């Protein structure tokens, strides 16, 4: 299929309407078969559950063109499983995981012309989401839901690409200890919007959120998990019941242990330890890994030894290995790559 006439190298991480999206409705206790449609508009009641009580969750994954010309996506089974967990926590009906993956494949196939070519630095971002669609005025779960998937070509999440970023320790809390931080609910991201706008206005790229209970432990940023490297090359990632279980982070942990032979610790990380790490990165679907060069705690600067010019050596190895697997340079662990065509 002929690609769309797009300057792939110049697009940012934004929305561009593509040809088709998938829509399925839940009514009378069951999901319909779902359809692909060219209509990008959502029409719902003014009293829809999502508008009144934010009953919505979403996922994010990407489709790539590999070096040998295949179009693939990365570990969609984990996205389907994570969305199931989000739905259960928000009292929403689970869209069957096998059909979820089938719908993702259909959307990628229908928008093949928007999958950026290999080597362009761009990808096709896939956004599955679900929301309560029928009128709800009392505080309760909706009775009807809509599950949708759209796709949009995107460039790098951070405009500077892999250039180290500066983040700050945030005064706001991202999630309560027994709240919804571990699921991909829209309400979590709404809570972070003021904090990220304020961070940008003050010259920072992102926020570092500490645990809400004691404000002594590192949790995550508004949209990515942390990964640290000790001075002796050990990989350390924060562990907390209120952190979203990043698929990228889980994949990087496997890469570190099983492919690169690195020692890995998944544990509570106290903020007091951060000054002693050699490298720091933010990992997630959008950016894969964004290196952190500086962390500012209310005027006190923690400058990572890896510096502000490039990724540290261990994070670079992790990045190169994972993206090498995604792009077809390196052999993938079984089940990681789903070939679309």
Protein backbone atom coordinates (compact mmCIF):
# COMPACT_ATOMS: atom_id res chain seq x y z
CA UNK A 1 0.00 0.00 0.00
CA UNK A 2 1.27 3.46 -0.90
CA UNK A 3 2.16 5.58 2.13
CA UNK A 4 0.47 8.93 2.80
CA UNK A 5 2.39 12.00 1.69
CA UNK A 6 3.61 13.02 5.16
CA UNK A 7 6.92 14.52 6.23
CA UNK A 8 7.53 11.73 8.73
CA UNK A 9 10.70 13.24 10.17
CA UNK A 10 9.00 16.47 11.23
CA UNK A 11 5.81 15.26 12.94
CA UNK A 12 5.57 15.62 16.70
CA UNK A 13 3.69 13.65 19.33
CA UNK A 14 0.23 14.90 18.39
CA UNK A 15 -3.06 13.76 16.90
CA UNK A 16 -3.48 13.34 13.15
CA UNK A 17 -6.78 11.88 12.00
CA UNK A 18 -6.42 8.65 10.06
CA UNK A 19 -8.87 6.75 7.88
CA UNK A 20 -10.45 4.16 10.18
CA UNK A 21 -11.15 3.48 13.82
CA UNK A 22 -12.83 0.58 15.65
CA UNK A 23 -16.04 1.01 17.66
CA UNK A 24 -17.91 -1.52 19.80
CA UNK A 25 -20.85 -0.86 22.13
CA UNK A 26 -21.83 -2.61 25.37
CA UNK A 27 -25.58 -2.71 25.94
CA UNK A 28 -27.96 -5.04 27.78
CA UNK A 29 -25.02 -6.87 29.32
CA UNK A 30 -23.13 -7.73 26.13
CA UNK A 31 -20.67 -6.31 23.60
CA UNK A 32 -21.70 -6.11 19.96
CA UNK A 33 -19.35 -7.33 17.21
CA UNK A 34 -17.85 -3.90 16.61
CA UNK A 35 -17.13 -2.16 13.31
CA UNK A 36 -14.47 -0.15 11.54
CA UNK A 37 -15.75 3.32 10.72
CA UNK A 38 -14.48 6.45 9.00
CA UNK A 39 -16.45 8.67 11.42
CA UNK A 40 -14.03 10.16 13.94
CA UNK A 41 -16.75 11.83 16.02
CA UNK A 42 -18.17 10.50 19.29
CA UNK A 43 -21.83 11.40 19.95
CA UNK A 44 -23.06 10.79 23.50
CA UNK A 45 -25.61 12.13 25.97
CA UNK A 46 -24.82 15.31 27.86
CA UNK A 47 -25.31 13.19 30.99
CA UNK A 48 -23.03 10.32 29.91
CA UNK A 49 -21.22 8.60 32.74
CA UNK A 50 -17.83 9.58 31.38
CA UNK A 51 -18.74 13.28 31.40
CA UNK A 52 -20.21 13.24 34.91
CA UNK A 53 -17.94 10.88 36.85
CA UNK A 54 -14.89 10.30 34.63
CA UNK A 55 -15.58 6.60 34.13
CA UNK A 56 -12.98 5.95 31.47
CA UNK A 57 -9.70 4.15 30.91
CA UNK A 58 -7.28 3.81 28.02
CA UNK A 59 -4.16 2.14 26.67
CA UNK A 60 -1.32 3.08 24.36
CA UNK A 61 0.83 0.97 22.05
CA UNK A 62 2.64 1.40 18.77
CA UNK A 63 2.96 -0.18 15.34
CA UNK A 64 6.36 -0.09 13.63
CA UNK A 65 7.87 -0.85 10.27
CA UNK A 66 10.81 -3.17 10.84
CA UNK A 67 14.07 -3.23 8.92
CA UNK A 68 12.84 -6.09 6.72
CA UNK A 69 9.61 -4.25 5.86
CA UNK A 70 7.13 -5.95 8.18
CA UNK A 71 4.55 -4.00 10.14
CA UNK A 72 4.53 -5.18 13.75
CA UNK A 73 3.26 -4.23 17.17
CA UNK A 74 4.87 -4.87 20.54
CA UNK A 75 3.39 -7.11 23.25
CA UNK A 76 -0.28 -6.16 22.72
CA UNK A 77 -1.35 -9.01 25.01
CA UNK A 78 0.06 -7.07 27.98
CA UNK A 79 -1.89 -3.96 27.00
CA UNK A 80 -5.08 -6.01 26.76
CA UNK A 81 -4.43 -7.52 30.18
CA UNK A 82 -3.67 -4.13 31.75
CA UNK A 83 -6.86 -2.64 30.31
CA UNK A 84 -8.79 -5.55 31.79
CA UNK A 85 -7.37 -4.64 35.21
CA UNK A 86 -8.32 -0.99 34.67
CA UNK A 87 -11.89 -1.94 33.74
CA UNK A 88 -12.33 -4.17 36.76
CA UNK A 89 -11.11 -1.44 39.12
CA UNK A 90 -13.52 1.12 37.56
CA UNK A 91 -16.52 -1.26 37.46
CA UNK A 92 -16.51 -1.34 33.65
CA UNK A 93 -17.17 -4.41 31.49
CA UNK A 94 -14.02 -6.11 30.21
CA UNK A 95 -13.62 -6.24 26.46
CA UNK A 96 -12.45 -9.83 25.75
CA UNK A 97 -8.66 -9.86 25.46
CA UNK A 98 -8.51 -11.95 22.28
CA UNK A 99 -11.03 -9.68 20.55
CA UNK A 100 -9.15 -6.66 21.91
CA UNK A 101 -6.01 -7.77 20.08
CA UNK A 102 -8.01 -8.59 16.94
CA UNK A 103 -9.45 -5.07 16.98
CA UNK A 104 -5.98 -3.54 17.33
CA UNK A 105 -4.82 -5.54 14.32
CA UNK A 106 -7.84 -4.42 12.29
CA UNK A 107 -7.12 -0.76 13.04
CA UNK A 108 -3.46 -1.09 12.08
CA UNK A 109 -4.34 -2.90 8.86
CA UNK A 110 -6.99 -0.33 7.97
CA UNK A 111 -4.49 2.51 8.50
CA UNK A 112 -1.47 0.85 6.91
CA UNK A 113 -0.79 3.93 4.78
CA UNK A 114 -0.13 5.87 7.99
CA UNK A 115 2.45 3.46 9.41
CA UNK A 116 5.70 5.46 9.07
CA UNK A 117 8.50 3.90 7.02
CA UNK A 118 11.49 2.26 8.67
CA UNK A 119 14.19 4.68 9.72
CA UNK A 120 11.91 7.73 9.87
CA UNK A 121 11.92 7.92 13.67
CA UNK A 122 8.11 7.95 13.66
CA UNK A 123 5.60 5.26 14.61
CA UNK A 124 1.85 4.64 14.46
CA UNK A 125 0.43 5.20 17.94
CA UNK A 126 -2.61 3.08 18.81
CA UNK A 127 -5.06 4.38 21.42
CA UNK A 128 -7.69 1.91 22.71
CA UNK A 129 -10.11 3.46 25.21
CA UNK A 130 -13.44 2.82 26.89
CA UNK A 131 -16.00 5.05 28.56
CA UNK A 132 -19.43 5.04 30.17
CA UNK A 133 -21.83 6.25 27.48
CA UNK A 134 -25.38 6.26 28.86
CA UNK A 135 -26.92 8.99 31.09
CA UNK A 136 -25.84 8.67 34.74
CA UNK A 137 -26.87 11.32 37.25
CA UNK A 138 -26.59 9.34 40.49
CA UNK A 139 -23.07 8.34 41.53
CA UNK A 140 -22.87 4.80 40.17
CA UNK A 141 -21.32 2.90 37.24
CA UNK A 142 -22.85 3.36 33.82
CA UNK A 143 -24.96 0.62 32.22
CA UNK A 144 -23.69 1.14 28.68
CA UNK A 145 -20.15 1.59 27.37
CA UNK A 146 -18.27 2.26 24.18
CA UNK A 147 -14.89 0.74 23.36
CA UNK A 148 -12.96 2.51 20.63
CA UNK A 149 -9.52 2.35 19.04
CA UNK A 150 -7.99 5.04 16.88
CA UNK A 151 -4.50 5.38 15.40
CA UNK A 152 -2.31 8.39 14.70
CA UNK A 153 1.25 8.69 13.36
CA UNK A 154 3.57 10.30 15.90
CA UNK A 155 7.12 11.49 16.22
CA UNK A 156 9.24 11.51 19.41
CA UNK A 157 7.41 12.24 22.66
CA UNK A 158 10.10 14.70 23.72
CA UNK A 159 11.11 17.09 20.95
CA UNK A 160 14.76 16.81 21.88
CA UNK A 161 14.68 13.09 21.22
CA UNK A 162 17.13 11.25 23.45
CA UNK A 163 18.66 14.41 24.92
CA UNK A 164 18.67 14.29 28.75
CA UNK A 165 15.85 16.23 30.38
CA UNK A 166 15.49 18.20 33.61
CA UNK A 167 12.76 17.23 36.06
CA UNK A 168 11.64 18.51 39.45
CA UNK A 169 10.37 16.96 42.64
CA UNK A 170 6.65 17.76 42.62
CA UNK A 171 4.69 19.20 45.54
CA UNK A 172 1.49 17.56 44.26
CA UNK A 173 0.59 13.89 44.75
CA UNK A 174 -0.11 11.73 41.73
CA UNK A 175 -2.00 8.90 43.47
CA UNK A 176 -3.23 7.85 46.90
CA UNK A 177 -1.72 4.73 48.51
CA UNK A 178 -4.89 2.70 47.98
CA UNK A 179 -6.23 4.65 45.02
CA UNK A 180 -6.06 4.17 41.25
CA UNK A 181 -2.39 4.86 40.49
CA UNK A 182 -1.86 1.26 39.35
CA UNK A 183 -4.45 1.45 36.54
CA UNK A 184 -4.56 3.53 33.36
CA UNK A 185 -7.57 5.63 34.27
CA UNK A 186 -8.17 8.99 32.63
CA UNK A 187 -8.78 10.58 36.04
CA UNK A 188 -5.14 9.90 37.04
CA UNK A 189 -3.94 11.97 34.12
CA UNK A 190 -6.43 14.75 34.76
CA UNK A 191 -4.95 15.08 38.24
CA UNK A 192 -1.46 15.52 36.77
CA UNK A 193 -2.32 18.24 34.22
CA UNK A 194 -1.92 21.23 36.53
CA UNK A 195 1.37 19.84 37.82
CA UNK A 196 2.86 19.35 34.35
CA UNK A 197 1.72 22.76 33.11
CA UNK A 198 3.27 24.34 36.19
CA UNK A 199 6.47 22.36 35.66
CA UNK A 200 6.75 23.53 32.05
CA UNK A 201 6.09 27.14 33.06
CA UNK A 202 8.98 26.89 35.49
CA UNK A 203 11.40 25.39 32.96
CA UNK A 204 11.14 21.70 33.79
CA UNK A 205 10.36 18.85 31.38
CA UNK A 206 8.58 16.58 33.86
CA UNK A 207 7.66 15.96 37.50
CA UNK A 208 9.02 13.38 39.90
CA UNK A 209 6.17 12.24 42.15
CA UNK A 210 6.93 10.93 45.61
CA UNK A 211 4.68 8.57 47.56
CA UNK A 212 1.69 10.39 49.00
CA UNK A 213 1.86 8.72 52.42
CA UNK A 214 5.41 9.64 53.47
CA UNK A 215 6.83 11.71 50.58
CA UNK A 216 10.12 9.88 51.01
CA UNK A 217 9.97 7.34 48.17
CA UNK A 218 10.19 7.77 44.39
CA UNK A 219 7.07 6.68 42.50
CA UNK A 220 6.85 7.81 38.85
CA UNK A 221 6.22 10.80 36.61
CA UNK A 222 2.88 11.79 35.13
CA UNK A 223 3.26 9.31 32.28
CA UNK A 224 6.34 7.13 32.74
CA UNK A 225 8.13 4.84 35.21
CA UNK A 226 11.60 5.54 36.57
CA UNK A 227 14.66 3.43 35.97
CA UNK A 228 17.92 4.06 37.83
CA UNK A 229 21.44 2.73 37.36
CA UNK A 230 23.81 2.41 40.31
CA UNK A 231 27.47 3.32 40.07
CA UNK A 232 28.34 -0.37 39.82
CA UNK A 233 25.93 -0.92 36.90
CA UNK A 234 22.94 -2.38 38.72
CA UNK A 235 19.45 -1.61 37.36
CA UNK A 236 16.99 -0.37 40.01
CA UNK A 237 13.29 0.36 39.48
CA UNK A 238 10.83 1.68 42.09
CA UNK A 239 8.21 -0.74 43.36
CA UNK A 240 4.90 0.51 44.73
CA UNK A 241 1.23 -0.57 44.58
CA UNK A 242 0.34 2.91 43.27
CA UNK A 243 2.70 2.84 40.26
CA UNK A 244 1.30 2.00 36.83
CA UNK A 245 2.89 -1.30 35.69
CA UNK A 246 4.66 -0.06 32.56
CA UNK A 247 4.99 -2.61 29.78
CA UNK A 248 8.15 -0.87 28.62
CA UNK A 249 9.63 -1.11 32.12
CA UNK A 250 8.79 -4.80 32.39
CA UNK A 251 10.40 -5.38 29.00
CA UNK A 252 13.51 -3.43 29.99
CA UNK A 253 13.84 -5.48 33.17
CA UNK A 254 13.77 -8.66 31.09
CA UNK A 255 16.32 -7.21 28.67
CA UNK A 256 18.58 -6.22 31.55
CA UNK A 257 18.43 -9.60 33.27
CA UNK A 258 18.14 -12.12 30.47
CA UNK A 259 19.90 -10.47 27.53
CA UNK A 260 22.46 -8.08 29.02
CA UNK A 261 23.14 -10.12 32.16
CA UNK A 262 22.72 -7.15 34.51
CA UNK A 263 21.69 -7.34 38.12
CA UNK A 264 18.19 -5.92 38.65
CA UNK A 265 16.40 -4.76 41.77
CA UNK A 266 12.68 -3.97 41.88
CA UNK A 267 12.18 -2.35 45.28
CA UNK A 268 11.21 0.76 47.17
CA UNK A 269 13.53 3.59 46.16
CA UNK A 270 13.98 6.33 48.74
CA UNK A 271 14.50 9.83 47.41
CA UNK A 272 17.62 10.15 49.57
CA UNK A 273 19.22 7.48 47.35
CA UNK A 274 18.75 9.39 44.10
CA UNK A 275 21.89 11.51 44.53
CA UNK A 276 23.97 8.31 44.61
CA UNK A 277 22.75 6.85 41.29
CA UNK A 278 24.87 7.12 38.15
CA UNK A 279 22.04 7.27 35.61
CA UNK A 280 18.31 7.94 35.53
CA UNK A 281 15.68 7.48 32.83
CA UNK A 282 11.93 7.66 32.28
CA UNK A 283 10.48 4.66 30.47
CA UNK A 284 7.13 4.23 28.75
CA UNK A 285 5.48 3.45 25.42
CA UNK A 286 5.63 7.02 24.13
CA UNK A 287 9.33 7.72 24.66
CA UNK A 288 10.76 4.20 25.30
CA UNK A 289 13.48 5.75 27.51
CA UNK A 290 14.10 9.44 28.07
CA UNK A 291 17.35 10.06 29.96
CA UNK A 292 17.24 12.40 32.95
CA UNK A 293 20.25 14.64 33.42
CA UNK A 294 19.12 16.79 36.33
CA UNK A 295 16.61 16.49 39.17
CA UNK A 296 15.72 19.68 41.07
CA UNK A 297 14.38 19.43 44.61
CA UNK A 298 13.16 22.91 45.58
CA UNK A 299 16.31 24.61 44.36
CA UNK A 300 18.70 21.78 45.26
CA UNK A 301 20.08 20.32 42.03
CA UNK A 302 20.96 16.65 41.69
CA UNK A 303 23.08 16.33 38.56
CA UNK A 304 23.38 12.78 37.29
CA UNK A 305 26.98 11.73 36.52
CA UNK A 306 25.78 10.68 33.05
CA UNK A 307 25.42 14.39 32.25
CA UNK A 308 23.18 16.54 30.08
CA UNK A 309 24.60 15.67 26.66
CA UNK A 310 23.66 12.04 26.06
CA UNK A 311 22.25 8.89 27.61
CA UNK A 312 24.38 7.14 30.19
CA UNK A 313 26.09 3.96 28.95
CA UNK A 314 23.84 1.41 30.67
CA UNK A 315 20.59 3.16 29.76
CA UNK A 316 21.91 3.47 26.19
CA UNK A 317 22.47 -0.31 26.08
CA UNK A 318 18.97 -0.93 27.40
CA UNK A 319 17.48 1.49 24.87
CA UNK A 320 19.45 0.09 21.94
CA UNK A 321 18.55 -3.49 22.83
CA UNK A 322 14.82 -2.90 23.30
CA UNK A 323 14.43 -0.71 20.20
CA UNK A 324 16.58 -3.21 18.30
CA UNK A 325 14.07 -5.92 19.21
CA UNK A 326 11.13 -3.70 18.28
CA UNK A 327 12.61 -2.71 14.92
CA UNK A 328 13.77 -6.18 13.95
CA UNK A 329 17.52 -5.72 14.35
CA UNK A 330 17.67 -8.23 17.20
CA UNK A 331 15.87 -11.49 17.83
CA UNK A 332 12.81 -10.97 20.00
CA UNK A 333 11.87 -13.14 22.99
CA UNK A 334 8.99 -15.45 22.12
CA UNK A 335 5.62 -13.68 21.96
CA UNK A 336 6.95 -10.14 22.09
CA UNK A 337 6.40 -9.17 18.47
CA UNK A 338 3.04 -9.54 16.74
CA UNK A 339 3.46 -9.34 12.98
CA UNK A 340 0.57 -7.54 11.27
CA UNK A 341 1.86 -8.06 7.73
